[in-house]
Amino acid sequence: MSMQRFLAREPYTFANGAIGWRPGGPMDCVGPFAKVEHCPIEGTDLKRTAYATGYADTFFSIPACTKVRGKYIGGFFMVDNDGGVTFRPYKRFADRLTTC
C-alpha cells in the first residue's frame, strides 16, 4: 500500500535541495508538500522521501510520514527561515530511527 495520499505533478526545489511536488491547479491546498524527495530527517543524517498525510493542522506544520528500514515514521514537515524543508518525527517514532 502506498503512503502517497495527494497527487504530485509539479516540482519545486527547496533551499536545502529537497524536491517537493505539488498537485497544482486551482484546488492545491497542500503546496509543495504532497511528496518531498531527499527530505532530511531531523536528528539524523538520513534523507528520505516523505509524504503529506493531511492538510496543514497549524500555520507552521504539515502532517507527514516516511519509512526508514521498512518501518513507518509519523511526523510533520517544517520549513526553516532559509526556505529548507525538514521532516520532524513524532517522539513516539524516535526509537524506529535508531533501531533496526
Foldseek 3Di string as FASTA:
>chain_A
DDQQDADFDDWDAWPVGKIFGWNDDPPTQAPRQQKIFQAAEPPDRDGGIKGFNDGDPDPFWTWIWTDDPRDIFTFIWGADPRGGIHTYTDPVCVVVVVDD
